Amino acid sequence: MRVRDKVVVVTGAASGIGRAMVRRFAAEGAAGVVVADIDAVGATAVAREIGDRAVAVRADVSVEEDVRGLVTTAESAFGPVGLFCSNAGVTTGRGLDATSPDWTRTIAVNVLAHVYAARAVVPGMVERGEGYLLNTCSAAGLVSCPGDAPYAVTKSVAISFAEWVSIHYATRGVRVSVLCPQSVRTAMFERGVAADHLSARAAGASGPVLDPEAVADVVVEGLAAERFHIFPHPEVAGFVRRKAEDPDRWLTGMAYFVDSLRT
């Protein structure tokens, strides 16, 4: 999958990984990029950096009509969507104390937004015989997330949904990748650090904190290779293998790891 000459939609694109991907896709020669975010001012600033090949749209990805609107905007401005990057996400920093509204909001943004994106673009991609979905799912979706139950659960579900889409549509031209980084220097991560959330401590202790631009570089390489799992932190692949080889030992190790973060 090459980004050059493709029409791309990126959600959560006003900052962090989303902004870095927009910039990198533009540098790769994307035909047009829809810069989507609930932060309209931030999205507009990013689109202005790119120029005529970008358009900013305020969108709440937890609302299906907003997600469909991104596709309509992309098609009107540039043509059919070749790559949809469902990147927006939220954290809570909570465990069993997470409220029902916490769970509802996290499910809507971290899971249903991917469903809405697939509904919006997959039929057209199947008709054209090609298309690509990139879903930002986090390493938390594979190896859990100490300190944040809603985040861990929803990211795991998001990966499961991406697998389902790949299984059902790969032979019809639709490819899927899940982006699974650990710690990335984003506003979301920095807020967790400032609040001293257990999840932020765990992420910081599990590997290096990458710049968003480094993640965007790995994304482009991973898309070119059409890998389902895209790991900006290579060590995540090792964590996943150890979990699969001996789940009981892995769970015990994670329990001791969490205890070490509390002391």
Foldseek 3Di string as FASTA:
>chain_A
DQQAQFEEEFEPQLWFLNVLLVVVSLVSHHQAYEQEYLPQVSSVVSQVVSPLRYDYDYADLLDLVRLLVSQVVSCVRGRHHAEYELEDAAFDLADPPQDPVNLVSRLSNLPVSLVSNCVNHVVVCLVVQAHEYEYALALLLQQNFPRTVSSSVSSVNNLVVQVVCCVVCVVSHYAYAYEYEQAEPIPNLVVCVVVVRLRSVLSVVPDPHHYSNLSSVQVSVCVVVSDRYRYSPVCSVVLNVVCVVDVVVSVVVVVVVSVVSVD
